[in-house]
Protein backbone atom coordinates (compact mmCIF):
# COMPACT_ATOMS: atom_id res chain seq x y z
CA UNK A 1 0.00 0.00 0.00
CA UNK A 2 1.10 3.55 -0.36
CA UNK A 3 2.39 5.66 2.54
CA UNK A 4 -1.06 6.80 3.68
CA UNK A 5 -2.11 3.21 4.35
CA UNK A 6 1.21 2.16 5.83
CA UNK A 7 1.17 5.06 8.31
CA UNK A 8 -2.30 4.03 9.52
CA UNK A 9 -0.79 0.83 10.93
CA UNK A 10 2.26 2.32 12.70
CA UNK A 11 0.78 2.34 16.19
CA UNK A 12 2.82 -0.17 18.18
CA UNK A 13 5.22 -3.06 17.62
CA UNK A 14 5.45 -5.28 14.50
CA UNK A 15 2.98 -8.14 14.88
CA UNK A 16 3.46 -11.61 13.38
CA UNK A 17 0.33 -13.53 12.41
CA UNK A 18 -2.02 -10.53 12.14
CA UNK A 19 -4.79 -11.08 9.61
CA UNK A 20 -5.57 -8.79 6.68
CA UNK A 21 -9.29 -8.43 6.03
CA UNK A 22 -10.38 -6.31 3.10
CA UNK A 23 -13.52 -5.47 1.19
CA UNK A 24 -14.19 -3.72 -2.10
CA UNK A 25 -17.21 -1.43 -1.47
CA UNK A 26 -17.95 -1.18 -5.21
CA UNK A 27 -17.95 -4.98 -5.50
CA UNK A 28 -19.93 -5.98 -2.38
CA UNK A 29 -20.10 -8.69 -1.15
CA UNK A 30 -16.60 -9.48 -2.50
CA UNK A 31 -14.08 -9.67 0.37
CA UNK A 32 -10.71 -11.14 1.31
CA UNK A 33 -12.08 -14.53 2.38
CA UNK A 34 -13.78 -15.01 -0.99
CA UNK A 35 -10.74 -13.83 -2.96
CA UNK A 36 -8.33 -16.06 -0.98
CA UNK A 37 -10.17 -19.18 -2.17
CA UNK A 38 -9.21 -18.39 -5.77
CA UNK A 39 -5.76 -16.79 -5.45
CA UNK A 40 -3.02 -18.87 -7.10
CA UNK A 41 0.22 -19.68 -5.23
CA UNK A 42 2.52 -16.66 -5.10
CA UNK A 43 -0.27 -14.11 -4.72
CA UNK A 44 0.86 -13.12 -1.26
CA UNK A 45 -0.57 -13.79 2.13
CA UNK A 46 -3.35 -12.41 4.28
CA UNK A 47 -1.20 -12.95 7.41
CA UNK A 48 1.78 -10.90 8.55
CA UNK A 49 5.25 -12.47 8.69
CA UNK A 50 7.77 -12.27 11.57
CA UNK A 51 8.60 -8.66 10.59
CA UNK A 52 4.92 -7.70 10.63
CA UNK A 53 4.77 -7.44 6.82
CA UNK A 54 1.89 -8.36 4.55
CA UNK A 55 2.55 -8.28 0.82
CA UNK A 56 0.09 -8.72 -2.01
CA UNK A 57 1.63 -8.49 -5.50
CA UNK A 58 -1.72 -7.72 -7.07
CA UNK A 59 -4.87 -6.06 -5.79
CA UNK A 60 -7.80 -4.85 -7.84
CA UNK A 61 -7.79 -1.16 -8.72
CA UNK A 62 -10.25 1.01 -6.83
CA UNK A 63 -11.20 1.76 -3.25
CA UNK A 64 -10.36 -0.88 -0.71
CA UNK A 65 -11.43 -0.94 2.96
CA UNK A 66 -8.65 -2.57 5.00
CA UNK A 67 -8.73 -3.99 8.52
CA UNK A 68 -5.89 -5.71 10.40
CA UNK A 69 -6.84 -7.95 13.34
CA UNK A 70 -5.03 -10.15 15.86
CA UNK A 71 -6.30 -11.54 19.15
CA UNK A 72 -5.01 -9.50 22.08
CA UNK A 73 -4.47 -6.33 19.98
CA UNK A 74 -6.66 -3.40 18.98
CA UNK A 75 -7.77 -3.72 15.37
CA UNK A 76 -6.66 -1.07 12.87
CA UNK A 77 -8.72 0.01 9.86
CA UNK A 78 -8.46 2.43 6.96
CA UNK A 79 -9.40 2.78 3.30
CA UNK A 80 -7.22 3.41 0.28
CA UNK A 81 -7.63 3.84 -3.45
CA UNK A 82 -5.25 1.71 -5.50
CA UNK A 83 -4.41 2.27 -9.16
CA UNK A 84 -4.13 -0.47 -11.78
CA UNK A 85 -0.95 -2.53 -11.46
CA UNK A 86 -0.04 -1.24 -7.99
CA UNK A 87 1.41 -3.84 -5.61
CA UNK A 88 0.21 -3.80 -2.02
CA UNK A 89 2.54 -3.96 0.98
CA UNK A 90 2.03 -2.90 4.57
CA UNK A 91 3.95 -3.28 7.81
CA UNK A 92 1.55 -4.19 10.60
CA UNK A 93 2.19 -2.49 13.95
CA UNK A 94 -0.70 -2.86 16.37
CA UNK A 95 -1.20 -1.70 19.94
CA UNK A 96 -2.44 -3.92 22.75
C-alpha atoms as a PDB file:
ATOM      1  CA  UNK A   1       0.000   0.000   0.000  1.00  0.00           C
ATOM      2  CA  UNK A   2       1.101   3.549  -0.355  1.00  0.00           C
ATOM      3  CA  UNK A   3       2.389   5.657   2.537  1.00  0.00           C
ATOM      4  CA  UNK A   4      -1.061   6.799   3.684  1.00  0.00           C
ATOM      5  CA  UNK A   5      -2.114   3.215   4.354  1.00  0.00           C
ATOM      6  CA  UNK A   6       1.207   2.164   5.826  1.00  0.00           C
ATOM      7  CA  UNK A   7       1.167   5.055   8.307  1.00  0.00           C
ATOM      8  CA  UNK A   8      -2.297   4.028   9.520  1.00  0.00           C
ATOM      9  CA  UNK A   9      -0.790   0.830  10.931  1.00  0.00           C
ATOM     10  CA  UNK A  10       2.263   2.321  12.698  1.00  0.00           C
ATOM     11  CA  UNK A  11       0.779   2.339  16.187  1.00  0.00           C
ATOM     12  CA  UNK A  12       2.823  -0.168  18.184  1.00  0.00           C
ATOM     13  CA  UNK A  13       5.216  -3.062  17.619  1.00  0.00           C
ATOM     14  CA  UNK A  14       5.447  -5.283  14.499  1.00  0.00           C
ATOM     15  CA  UNK A  15       2.976  -8.141  14.879  1.00  0.00           C
ATOM     16  CA  UNK A  16       3.455 -11.615  13.383  1.00  0.00           C
ATOM     17  CA  UNK A  17       0.333 -13.528  12.414  1.00  0.00           C
ATOM     18  CA  UNK A  18      -2.021 -10.535  12.135  1.00  0.00           C
ATOM     19  CA  UNK A  19      -4.794 -11.084   9.611  1.00  0.00           C
ATOM     20  CA  UNK A  20      -5.567  -8.787   6.679  1.00  0.00           C
ATOM     21  CA  UNK A  21      -9.293  -8.431   6.031  1.00  0.00           C
ATOM     22  CA  UNK A  22     -10.380  -6.311   3.096  1.00  0.00           C
ATOM     23  CA  UNK A  23     -13.523  -5.467   1.186  1.00  0.00           C
ATOM     24  CA  UNK A  24     -14.187  -3.721  -2.098  1.00  0.00           C
ATOM     25  CA  UNK A  25     -17.210  -1.426  -1.474  1.00  0.00           C
ATOM     26  CA  UNK A  26     -17.950  -1.178  -5.208  1.00  0.00           C
ATOM     27  CA  UNK A  27     -17.948  -4.981  -5.496  1.00  0.00           C
ATOM     28  CA  UNK A  28     -19.933  -5.980  -2.383  1.00  0.00           C
ATOM     29  CA  UNK A  29     -20.102  -8.692  -1.153  1.00  0.00           C
ATOM     30  CA  UNK A  30     -16.599  -9.476  -2.496  1.00  0.00           C
ATOM     31  CA  UNK A  31     -14.084  -9.668   0.366  1.00  0.00           C
ATOM     32  CA  UNK A  32     -10.710 -11.143   1.309  1.00  0.00           C
ATOM     33  CA  UNK A  33     -12.077 -14.525   2.384  1.00  0.00           C
ATOM     34  CA  UNK A  34     -13.776 -15.008  -0.990  1.00  0.00           C
ATOM     35  CA  UNK A  35     -10.735 -13.829  -2.964  1.00  0.00           C
ATOM     36  CA  UNK A  36      -8.329 -16.059  -0.979  1.00  0.00           C
ATOM     37  CA  UNK A  37     -10.165 -19.175  -2.173  1.00  0.00           C
ATOM     38  CA  UNK A  38      -9.214 -18.387  -5.774  1.00  0.00           C
ATOM     39  CA  UNK A  39      -5.759 -16.793  -5.454  1.00  0.00           C
ATOM     40  CA  UNK A  40      -3.018 -18.871  -7.100  1.00  0.00           C
ATOM     41  CA  UNK A  41       0.218 -19.675  -5.231  1.00  0.00           C
ATOM     42  CA  UNK A  42       2.516 -16.658  -5.105  1.00  0.00           C
ATOM     43  CA  UNK A  43      -0.272 -14.110  -4.719  1.00  0.00           C
ATOM     44  CA  UNK A  44       0.865 -13.122  -1.259  1.00  0.00           C
ATOM     45  CA  UNK A  45      -0.566 -13.792   2.132  1.00  0.00           C
ATOM     46  CA  UNK A  46      -3.353 -12.405   4.275  1.00  0.00           C
ATOM     47  CA  UNK A  47      -1.197 -12.950   7.406  1.00  0.00           C
ATOM     48  CA  UNK A  48       1.782 -10.898   8.545  1.00  0.00           C
ATOM     49  CA  UNK A  49       5.246 -12.469   8.693  1.00  0.00           C
ATOM     50  CA  UNK A  50       7.774 -12.273  11.568  1.00  0.00           C
ATOM     51  CA  UNK A  51       8.600  -8.665  10.586  1.00  0.00           C
ATOM     52  CA  UNK A  52       4.916  -7.700  10.626  1.00  0.00           C
ATOM     53  CA  UNK A  53       4.771  -7.442   6.821  1.00  0.00           C
ATOM     54  CA  UNK A  54       1.889  -8.362   4.555  1.00  0.00           C
ATOM     55  CA  UNK A  55       2.546  -8.279   0.822  1.00  0.00           C
ATOM     56  CA  UNK A  56       0.092  -8.716  -2.008  1.00  0.00           C
ATOM     57  CA  UNK A  57       1.634  -8.493  -5.495  1.00  0.00           C
ATOM     58  CA  UNK A  58      -1.722  -7.715  -7.068  1.00  0.00           C
ATOM     59  CA  UNK A  59      -4.869  -6.064  -5.790  1.00  0.00           C
ATOM     60  CA  UNK A  60      -7.801  -4.851  -7.840  1.00  0.00           C
ATOM     61  CA  UNK A  61      -7.791  -1.161  -8.716  1.00  0.00           C
ATOM     62  CA  UNK A  62     -10.247   1.011  -6.830  1.00  0.00           C
ATOM     63  CA  UNK A  63     -11.199   1.761  -3.250  1.00  0.00           C
ATOM     64  CA  UNK A  64     -10.358  -0.879  -0.707  1.00  0.00           C
ATOM     65  CA  UNK A  65     -11.431  -0.944   2.963  1.00  0.00           C
ATOM     66  CA  UNK A  66      -8.645  -2.569   4.999  1.00  0.00           C
ATOM     67  CA  UNK A  67      -8.726  -3.988   8.522  1.00  0.00           C
ATOM     68  CA  UNK A  68      -5.887  -5.714  10.402  1.00  0.00           C
ATOM     69  CA  UNK A  69      -6.838  -7.955  13.336  1.00  0.00           C
ATOM     70  CA  UNK A  70      -5.026 -10.147  15.859  1.00  0.00           C
ATOM     71  CA  UNK A  71      -6.304 -11.542  19.150  1.00  0.00           C
ATOM     72  CA  UNK A  72      -5.013  -9.495  22.081  1.00  0.00           C
ATOM     73  CA  UNK A  73      -4.471  -6.334  19.983  1.00  0.00           C
ATOM     74  CA  UNK A  74      -6.660  -3.404  18.983  1.00  0.00           C
ATOM     75  CA  UNK A  75      -7.766  -3.717  15.373  1.00  0.00           C
ATOM     76  CA  UNK A  76      -6.662  -1.069  12.875  1.00  0.00           C
ATOM     77  CA  UNK A  77      -8.715   0.014   9.861  1.00  0.00           C
ATOM     78  CA  UNK A  78      -8.456   2.435   6.964  1.00  0.00           C
ATOM     79  CA  UNK A  79      -9.397   2.777   3.300  1.00  0.00           C
ATOM     80  CA  UNK A  80      -7.224   3.407   0.283  1.00  0.00           C
ATOM     81  CA  UNK A  81      -7.633   3.841  -3.445  1.00  0.00           C
ATOM     82  CA  UNK A  82      -5.250   1.712  -5.500  1.00  0.00           C
ATOM     83  CA  UNK A  83      -4.414   2.266  -9.160  1.00  0.00           C
ATOM     84  CA  UNK A  84      -4.125  -0.468 -11.779  1.00  0.00           C
ATOM     85  CA  UNK A  85      -0.948  -2.528 -11.464  1.00  0.00           C
ATOM     86  CA  UNK A  86      -0.041  -1.239  -7.994  1.00  0.00           C
ATOM     87  CA  UNK A  87       1.411  -3.840  -5.609  1.00  0.00           C
ATOM     88  CA  UNK A  88       0.209  -3.802  -2.024  1.00  0.00           C
ATOM     89  CA  UNK A  89       2.544  -3.961   0.976  1.00  0.00           C
ATOM     90  CA  UNK A  90       2.032  -2.903   4.566  1.00  0.00           C
ATOM     91  CA  UNK A  91       3.955  -3.280   7.811  1.00  0.00           C
ATOM     92  CA  UNK A  92       1.554  -4.187  10.598  1.00  0.00           C
ATOM     93  CA  UNK A  93       2.188  -2.492  13.950  1.00  0.00           C
ATOM     94  CA  UNK A  94      -0.697  -2.855  16.368  1.00  0.00           C
ATOM     95  CA  UNK A  95      -1.202  -1.696  19.940  1.00  0.00           C
ATOM     96  CA  UNK A  96      -2.438  -3.916  22.754  1.00  0.00           C
END
